Amino acid sequence: MAGFLDRAKEQAQSALNQGKQKVDEVQQQRAGNDLLKRLGAAYYAERRGSGTPDATQQALSALEAHIATHGDGFLRGV
């Protein structure tokens, strides 16, 4: 009986870890999408004359830092 409980506990822990990993991936995707949206807004504002090249560069740098840390999977919808 103890072996069964140990295996059940291991499976539950594994499922919990997989769930946490999936939540982290979704949060990273959302953050990447938000940064990409910010970059687009900064570029649009710059082109319209209400933004600055500095704001666009800051948005680009933040996006590049996110990609360096978490990869670019969010760009492909992965």
PDB file of N, CA and C in Angstrom:
ATOM      1  N   MET A   1       0.811  -1.192   0.000  1.00  0.00           N
ATOM      2  CA  MET A   1       0.000   0.000   0.000  1.00  0.00           C
ATOM      3  C   MET A   1       0.860   1.263   0.000  1.00  0.00           C
ATOM      4  N   ALA A   2       1.969   1.247   0.724  1.00  0.00           N
ATOM      5  CA  ALA A   2       2.856   2.414   0.788  1.00  0.00           C
ATOM      6  C   ALA A   2       3.442   2.721  -0.586  1.00  0.00           C
ATOM      7  N   GLY A   3       3.761   1.670  -1.348  1.00  0.00           N
ATOM      8  CA  GLY A   3       4.298   1.873  -2.697  1.00  0.00           C
ATOM      9  C   GLY A   3       3.301   2.577  -3.595  1.00  0.00           C
ATOM     10  N   PHE A   4       2.051   2.193  -3.470  1.00  0.00           N
ATOM     11  CA  PHE A   4       0.995   2.824  -4.261  1.00  0.00           C
ATOM     12  C   PHE A   4       0.869   4.306  -3.917  1.00  0.00           C
ATOM     13  N   LEU A   5       0.903   4.611  -2.631  1.00  0.00           N
ATOM     14  CA  LEU A   5       0.792   6.002  -2.195  1.00  0.00           C
ATOM     15  C   LEU A   5       1.999   6.832  -2.635  1.00  0.00           C
ATOM     16  N   ASP A   6       3.171   6.225  -2.587  1.00  0.00           N
ATOM     17  CA  ASP A   6       4.372   6.923  -3.042  1.00  0.00           C
ATOM     18  C   ASP A   6       4.280   7.252  -4.530  1.00  0.00           C
ATOM     19  N   ARG A   7       3.828   6.272  -5.325  1.00  0.00           N
ATOM     20  CA  ARG A   7       3.683   6.511  -6.757  1.00  0.00           C
ATOM     21  C   ARG A   7       2.617   7.567  -7.035  1.00  0.00           C
ATOM     22  N   ALA A   8       1.536   7.544  -6.320  1.00  0.00           N
ATOM     23  CA  ALA A   8       0.481   8.536  -6.491  1.00  0.00           C
ATOM     24  C   ALA A   8       0.992   9.931  -6.144  1.00  0.00           C
ATOM     25  N   LYS A   9       1.774  10.005  -5.069  1.00  0.00           N
ATOM     26  CA  LYS A   9       2.345  11.289  -4.661  1.00  0.00           C
ATOM     27  C   LYS A   9       3.310  11.814  -5.722  1.00  0.00           C
ATOM     28  N   GLU A  10       4.143  10.945  -6.283  1.00  0.00           N
ATOM     29  CA  GLU A  10       5.076  11.341  -7.329  1.00  0.00           C
ATOM     30  C   GLU A  10       4.335  11.831  -8.567  1.00  0.00           C
ATOM     31  N   GLN A  11       3.274  11.134  -8.945  1.00  0.00           N
ATOM     32  CA  GLN A  11       2.490  11.539 -10.111  1.00  0.00           C
ATOM     33  C   GLN A  11       1.809  12.884  -9.872  1.00  0.00           C
ATOM     34  N   ALA A  12       1.297  13.079  -8.675  1.00  0.00           N
ATOM     35  CA  ALA A  12       0.655  14.355  -8.351  1.00  0.00           C
ATOM     36  C   ALA A  12       1.673  15.490  -8.383  1.00  0.00           C
ATOM     37  N   GLN A  13       2.864  15.245  -7.859  1.00  0.00           N
ATOM     38  CA  GLN A  13       3.904  16.265  -7.872  1.00  0.00           C
ATOM     39  C   GLN A  13       4.333  16.579  -9.296  1.00  0.00           C
ATOM     40  N   SER A  14       4.448  15.553 -10.119  1.00  0.00           N
ATOM     41  CA  SER A  14       4.813  15.748 -11.513  1.00  0.00           C
ATOM     42  C   SER A  14       3.760  16.575 -12.244  1.00  0.00           C
ATOM     43  N   ALA A  15       2.501  16.282 -12.013  1.00  0.00           N
ATOM     44  CA  ALA A  15       1.414  17.035 -12.644  1.00  0.00           C
ATOM     45  C   ALA A  15       1.431  18.485 -12.177  1.00  0.00           C
ATOM     46  N   LEU A  16       1.694  18.703 -10.905  1.00  0.00           N
ATOM     47  CA  LEU A  16       1.771  20.052 -10.361  1.00  0.00           C
ATOM     48  C   LEU A  16       2.914  20.833 -11.005  1.00  0.00           C
ATOM     49  N   ASN A  17       4.063  20.198 -11.143  1.00  0.00           N
ATOM     50  CA  ASN A  17       5.210  20.850 -11.772  1.00  0.00           C
ATOM     51  C   ASN A  17       4.925  21.193 -13.233  1.00  0.00           C
ATOM     52  N   GLN A  18       4.266  20.288 -13.949  1.00  0.00           N
ATOM     53  CA  GLN A  18       3.911  20.557 -15.340  1.00  0.00           C
ATOM     54  C   GLN A  18       2.940  21.722 -15.436  1.00  0.00           C
ATOM     55  N   GLY A  19       1.997  21.781 -14.514  1.00  0.00           N
ATOM     56  CA  GLY A  19       1.043  22.885 -14.492  1.00  0.00           C
ATOM     57  C   GLY A  19       1.724  24.220 -14.239  1.00  0.00           C
ATOM     58  N   LYS A  20       2.652  24.236 -13.293  1.00  0.00           N
ATOM     59  CA  LYS A  20       3.396  25.462 -12.994  1.00  0.00           C
ATOM     60  C   LYS A  20       4.216  25.904 -14.203  1.00  0.00           C
ATOM     61  N   GLN A  21       4.831  24.942 -14.882  1.00  0.00           N
ATOM     62  CA  GLN A  21       5.634  25.261 -16.060  1.00  0.00           C
ATOM     63  C   GLN A  21       4.761  25.869 -17.156  1.00  0.00           C
ATOM     64  N   LYS A  22       3.583  25.315 -17.355  1.00  0.00           N
ATOM     65  CA  LYS A  22       2.678  25.829 -18.385  1.00  0.00           C
ATOM     66  C   LYS A  22       2.225  27.249 -18.041  1.00  0.00           C
ATOM     67  N   VAL A  23       1.930  27.502 -16.769  1.00  0.00           N
ATOM     68  CA  VAL A  23       1.535  28.847 -16.334  1.00  0.00           C
ATOM     69  C   VAL A  23       2.673  29.827 -16.604  1.00  0.00           C
ATOM     70  N   ASP A  24       3.903  29.436 -16.289  1.00  0.00           N
ATOM     71  CA  ASP A  24       5.059  30.299 -16.543  1.00  0.00           C
ATOM     72  C   ASP A  24       5.199  30.600 -18.032  1.00  0.00           C
ATOM     73  N   GLU A  25       5.018  29.592 -18.870  1.00  0.00           N
ATOM     74  CA  GLU A  25       5.115  29.790 -20.319  1.00  0.00           C
ATOM     75  C   GLU A  25       4.061  30.775 -20.817  1.00  0.00           C
ATOM     76  N   VAL A  26       2.847  30.634 -20.330  1.00  0.00           N
ATOM     77  CA  VAL A  26       1.767  31.536 -20.741  1.00  0.00           C
ATOM     78  C   VAL A  26       2.067  32.960 -20.283  1.00  0.00           C
ATOM     79  N   GLN A  27       2.573  33.113 -19.065  1.00  0.00           N
ATOM     80  CA  GLN A  27       2.912  34.448 -18.570  1.00  0.00           C
ATOM     81  C   GLN A  27       4.034  35.076 -19.394  1.00  0.00           C
ATOM     82  N   GLN A  28       5.014  34.273 -19.792  1.00  0.00           N
ATOM     83  CA  GLN A  28       6.107  34.781 -20.621  1.00  0.00           C
ATOM     84  C   GLN A  28       5.601  35.183 -22.002  1.00  0.00           C
ATOM     85  N   GLN A  29       4.684  34.406 -22.556  1.00  0.00           N
ATOM     86  CA  GLN A  29       4.101  34.758 -23.847  1.00  0.00           C
ATOM     87  C   GLN A  29       3.343  36.071 -23.758  1.00  0.00           C
ATOM     88  N   ARG A  30       2.547  36.226 -22.718  1.00  0.00           N
ATOM     89  CA  ARG A  30       1.782  37.466 -22.543  1.00  0.00           C
ATOM     90  C   ARG A  30       2.713  38.660 -22.394  1.00  0.00           C
ATOM     91  N   ALA A  31       3.766  38.489 -21.612  1.00  0.00           N
ATOM     92  CA  ALA A  31       4.723  39.580 -21.426  1.00  0.00           C
ATOM     93  C   ALA A  31       5.388  39.938 -22.755  1.00  0.00           C
ATOM     94  N   GLY A  32       5.767  38.941 -23.523  1.00  0.00           N
ATOM     95  CA  GLY A  32       6.368  39.185 -24.835  1.00  0.00           C
ATOM     96  C   GLY A  32       5.400  39.887 -25.770  1.00  0.00           C
ATOM     97  N   ASN A  33       4.162  39.447 -25.769  1.00  0.00           N
ATOM     98  CA  ASN A  33       3.154  40.096 -26.614  1.00  0.00           C
ATOM     99  C   ASN A  33       2.931  41.543 -26.194  1.00  0.00           C
ATOM    100  N   ASP A  34       2.913  41.801 -24.896  1.00  0.00           N
ATOM    101  CA  ASP A  34       2.751  43.171 -24.405  1.00  0.00           C
ATOM    102  C   ASP A  34       3.924  44.052 -24.841  1.00  0.00           C
ATOM    103  N   LEU A  35       5.138  43.519 -24.758  1.00  0.00           N
ATOM    104  CA  LEU A  35       6.315  44.280 -25.180  1.00  0.00           C
ATOM    105  C   LEU A  35       6.281  44.550 -26.681  1.00  0.00           C
ATOM    106  N   LEU A  36       5.844  43.579 -27.436  1.00  0.00           N
ATOM    107  CA  LEU A  36       5.734  43.762 -28.889  1.00  0.00           C
ATOM    108  C   LEU A  36       4.685  44.819 -29.216  1.00  0.00           C
ATOM    109  N   LYS A  37       3.594  44.788 -28.502  1.00  0.00           N
ATOM    110  CA  LYS A  37       2.539  45.793 -28.689  1.00  0.00           C
ATOM    111  C   LYS A  37       3.066  47.185 -28.341  1.00  0.00           C
ATOM    112  N   ARG A  38       3.827  47.284 -27.243  1.00  0.00           N
ATOM    113  CA  ARG A  38       4.414  48.563 -26.844  1.00  0.00           C
ATOM    114  C   ARG A  38       5.371  49.093 -27.903  1.00  0.00           C
ATOM    115  N   LEU A  39       6.153  48.186 -28.483  1.00  0.00           N
ATOM    116  CA  LEU A  39       7.075  48.592 -29.543  1.00  0.00           C
ATOM    117  C   LEU A  39       6.301  49.134 -30.741  1.00  0.00           C
ATOM    118  N   GLY A  40       5.247  48.440 -31.129  1.00  0.00           N
ATOM    119  CA  GLY A  40       4.435  48.909 -32.253  1.00  0.00           C
ATOM    120  C   GLY A  40       3.814  50.262 -31.976  1.00  0.00           C
ATOM    121  N   ALA A  41       3.324  50.465 -30.771  1.00  0.00           N
ATOM    122  CA  ALA A  41       2.718  51.748 -30.406  1.00  0.00           C
ATOM    123  C   ALA A  41       3.761  52.863 -30.411  1.00  0.00           C
ATOM    124  N   ALA A  42       4.955  52.564 -29.900  1.00  0.00           N
ATOM    125  CA  ALA A  42       6.019  53.573 -29.882  1.00  0.00           C
ATOM    126  C   ALA A  42       6.443  53.934 -31.303  1.00  0.00           C
ATOM    127  N   TYR A  43       6.570  52.934 -32.161  1.00  0.00           N
ATOM    128  CA  TYR A  43       6.951  53.190 -33.553  1.00  0.00           C
ATOM    129  C   TYR A  43       5.876  54.008 -34.261  1.00  0.00           C
ATOM    130  N   TYR A  44       4.623  53.646 -34.057  1.00  0.00           N
ATOM    131  CA  TYR A  44       3.512  54.368 -34.676  1.00  0.00           C
ATOM    132  C   TYR A  44       3.502  55.823 -34.213  1.00  0.00           C
ATOM    133  N   ALA A  45       3.669  56.031 -32.909  1.00  0.00           N
ATOM    134  CA  ALA A  45       3.691  57.390 -32.374  1.00  0.00           C
ATOM    135  C   ALA A  45       4.855  58.182 -32.954  1.00  0.00           C
ATOM    136  N   GLU A  46       6.002  57.536 -33.083  1.00  0.00           N
ATOM    137  CA  GLU A  46       7.166  58.211 -33.656  1.00  0.00           C
ATOM    138  C   GLU A  46       6.896  58.621 -35.099  1.00  0.00           C
ATOM    139  N   ARG A  47       6.325  57.726 -35.868  1.00  0.00           N
ATOM    140  CA  ARG A  47       6.041  58.010 -37.285  1.00  0.00           C
ATOM    141  C   ARG A  47       5.003  59.117 -37.452  1.00  0.00           C
ATOM    142  N   ARG A  48       4.087  59.218 -36.502  1.00  0.00           N
ATOM    143  CA  ARG A  48       3.042  60.255 -36.559  1.00  0.00           C
ATOM    144  C   ARG A  48       3.536  61.591 -36.036  1.00  0.00           C
ATOM    145  N   GLY A  49       4.694  61.593 -35.401  1.00  0.00           N
ATOM    146  CA  GLY A  49       5.249  62.837 -34.905  1.00  0.00           C
ATOM    147  C   GLY A  49       4.967  63.102 -33.434  1.00  0.00           C
ATOM    148  N   SER A  50       4.257  62.203 -32.775  1.00  0.00           N
ATOM    149  CA  SER A  50       3.962  62.414 -31.359  1.00  0.00           C
ATOM    150  C   SER A  50       4.855  61.579 -30.448  1.00  0.00           C
ATOM    151  N   GLY A  51       5.709  60.769 -31.017  1.00  0.00           N
ATOM    152  CA  GLY A  51       6.624  59.939 -30.241  1.00  0.00           C
ATOM    153  C   GLY A  51       8.058  60.321 -30.529  1.00  0.00           C
ATOM    154  N   THR A  52       8.966  59.655 -29.844  1.00  0.00           N
ATOM    155  CA  THR A  52      10.385  59.956 -30.020  1.00  0.00           C
ATOM    156  C   THR A  52      11.149  58.700 -30.408  1.00  0.00           C
ATOM    157  N   PRO A  53      12.256  58.874 -31.117  1.00  0.00           N
ATOM    158  CA  PRO A  53      13.096  57.716 -31.413  1.00  0.00           C
ATOM    159  C   PRO A  53      13.602  57.032 -30.144  1.00  0.00           C
ATOM    160  N   ASP A  54      13.813  57.815 -29.084  1.00  0.00           N
ATOM    161  CA  ASP A  54      14.278  57.246 -27.819  1.00  0.00           C
ATOM    162  C   ASP A  54      13.245  56.285 -27.231  1.00  0.00           C
ATOM    163  N   ALA A  55      11.970  56.657 -27.280  1.00  0.00           N
ATOM    164  CA  ALA A  55      10.913  55.780 -26.758  1.00  0.00           C
ATOM    165  C   ALA A  55      10.838  54.493 -27.569  1.00  0.00           C
ATOM    166  N   THR A  56      10.997  54.608 -28.873  1.00  0.00           N
ATOM    167  CA  THR A  56      10.994  53.415 -29.729  1.00  0.00           C
ATOM    168  C   THR A  56      12.176  52.525 -29.398  1.00  0.00           C
ATOM    169  N   GLN A  57      13.340  53.126 -29.198  1.00  0.00           N
ATOM    170  CA  GLN A  57      14.536  52.352 -28.867  1.00  0.00           C
ATOM    171  C   GLN A  57      14.401  51.676 -27.517  1.00  0.00           C
ATOM    172  N   GLN A  58      13.812  52.349 -26.551  1.00  0.00           N
ATOM    173  CA  GLN A  58      13.604  51.740 -25.241  1.00  0.00           C
ATOM    174  C   GLN A  58      12.672  50.538 -25.333  1.00  0.00           C
ATOM    175  N   ALA A  59      11.608  50.678 -26.122  1.00  0.00           N
ATOM    176  CA  ALA A  59      10.671  49.572 -26.300  1.00  0.00           C
ATOM    177  C   ALA A  59      11.360  48.400 -26.998  1.00  0.00           C
ATOM    178  N   LEU A  60      12.194  48.707 -27.994  1.00  0.00           N
ATOM    179  CA  LEU A  60      12.927  47.663 -28.703  1.00  0.00           C
ATOM    180  C   LEU A  60      13.914  46.967 -27.768  1.00  0.00           C
ATOM    181  N   SER A  61      14.605  47.734 -26.945  1.00  0.00           N
ATOM    182  CA  SER A  61      15.566  47.147 -26.006  1.00  0.00           C
ATOM    183  C   SER A  61      14.869  46.231 -25.000  1.00  0.00           C
ATOM    184  N   ALA A  62      13.704  46.645 -24.511  1.00  0.00           N
ATOM    185  CA  ALA A  62      12.960  45.812 -23.566  1.00  0.00           C
ATOM    186  C   ALA A  62      12.526  44.511 -24.233  1.00  0.00           C
ATOM    187  N   LEU A  63      12.082  44.596 -25.471  1.00  0.00           N
ATOM    188  CA  LEU A  63      11.678  43.394 -26.208  1.00  0.00           C
ATOM    189  C   LEU A  63      12.872  42.470 -26.443  1.00  0.00           C
ATOM    190  N   GLU A  64      13.991  43.038 -26.838  1.00  0.00           N
ATOM    191  CA  GLU A  64      15.191  42.225 -27.070  1.00  0.00           C
ATOM    192  C   GLU A  64      15.667  41.553 -25.780  1.00  0.00           C
ATOM    193  N   ALA A  65      15.570  42.241 -24.652  1.00  0.00           N
ATOM    194  CA  ALA A  65      15.962  41.646 -23.376  1.00  0.00           C
ATOM    195  C   ALA A  65      15.048  40.474 -23.032  1.00  0.00           C
ATOM    196  N   HIS A  66      13.754  40.631 -23.292  1.00  0.00           N
ATOM    197  CA  HIS A  66      12.804  39.548 -23.037  1.00  0.00           C
ATOM    198  C   HIS A  66      13.127  38.342 -23.927  1.00  0.00           C
ATOM    199  N   ILE A  67      13.423  38.592 -25.183  1.00  0.00           N
ATOM    200  CA  ILE A  67      13.753  37.507 -26.113  1.00  0.00           C
ATOM    201  C   ILE A  67      15.043  36.809 -25.680  1.00  0.00           C
ATOM    202  N   ALA A  68      16.022  37.576 -25.231  1.00  0.00           N
ATOM    203  CA  ALA A  68      17.286  36.979 -24.784  1.00  0.00           C
ATOM    204  C   ALA A  68      17.073  36.068 -23.571  1.00  0.00           C
ATOM    205  N   THR A  69      16.136  36.448 -22.719  1.00  0.00           N
ATOM    206  CA  THR A  69      15.887  35.681 -21.511  1.00  0.00           C
ATOM    207  C   THR A  69      14.961  34.496 -21.747  1.00  0.00           C
ATOM    208  N   HIS A  70      13.881  34.708 -22.508  1.00  0.00           N
ATOM    209  CA  HIS A  70      12.821  33.715 -22.627  1.00  0.00           C
ATOM    210  C   HIS A  70      12.659  33.122 -24.024  1.00  0.00           C
ATOM    211  N   GLY A  71      13.412  33.591 -24.991  1.00  0.00           N
ATOM    212  CA  GLY A  71      13.281  33.097 -26.349  1.00  0.00           C
ATOM    213  C   GLY A  71      12.206  33.865 -27.116  1.00  0.00           C
ATOM    214  N   ASP A  72      12.089  33.533 -28.397  1.00  0.00           N
ATOM    215  CA  ASP A  72      11.152  34.248 -29.252  1.00  0.00           C
ATOM    216  C   ASP A  72       9.950  33.403 -29.662  1.00  0.00           C
ATOM    217  N   GLY A  73       9.637  32.395 -28.882  1.00  0.00           N
ATOM    218  CA  GLY A  73       8.511  31.519 -29.189  1.00  0.00           C
ATOM    219  C   GLY A  73       7.194  32.256 -29.312  1.00  0.00           C
ATOM    220  N   PHE A  74       7.013  33.332 -28.545  1.00  0.00           N
ATOM    221  CA  PHE A  74       5.767  34.080 -28.612  1.00  0.00           C
ATOM    222  C   PHE A  74       5.560  34.747 -29.964  1.00  0.00           C
ATOM    223  N   LEU A  75       6.634  34.970 -30.709  1.00  0.00           N
ATOM    224  CA  LEU A  75       6.525  35.568 -32.037  1.00  0.00           C
ATOM    225  C   LEU A  75       5.903  34.593 -33.039  1.00  0.00           C
ATOM    226  N   ARG A  76       6.055  33.315 -32.763  1.00  0.00           N
ATOM    227  CA  ARG A  76       5.516  32.288 -33.653  1.00  0.00           C
ATOM    228  C   ARG A  76       4.217  31.703 -33.095  1.00  0.00           C
ATOM    229  N   GLY A  77       3.762  32.221 -31.977  1.00  0.00           N
ATOM    230  CA  GLY A  77       2.553  31.699 -31.367  1.00  0.00           C
ATOM    231  C   GLY A  77       2.770  30.375 -30.660  1.00  0.00           C
ATOM    232  N   VAL A  78       4.032  30.076 -30.335  1.00  0.00           N
ATOM    233  CA  VAL A  78       4.356  28.819 -29.655  1.00  0.00           C
ATOM    234  C   VAL A  78       4.364  29.028 -28.168  1.00  0.00           C
TER     235      VAL A  78
END
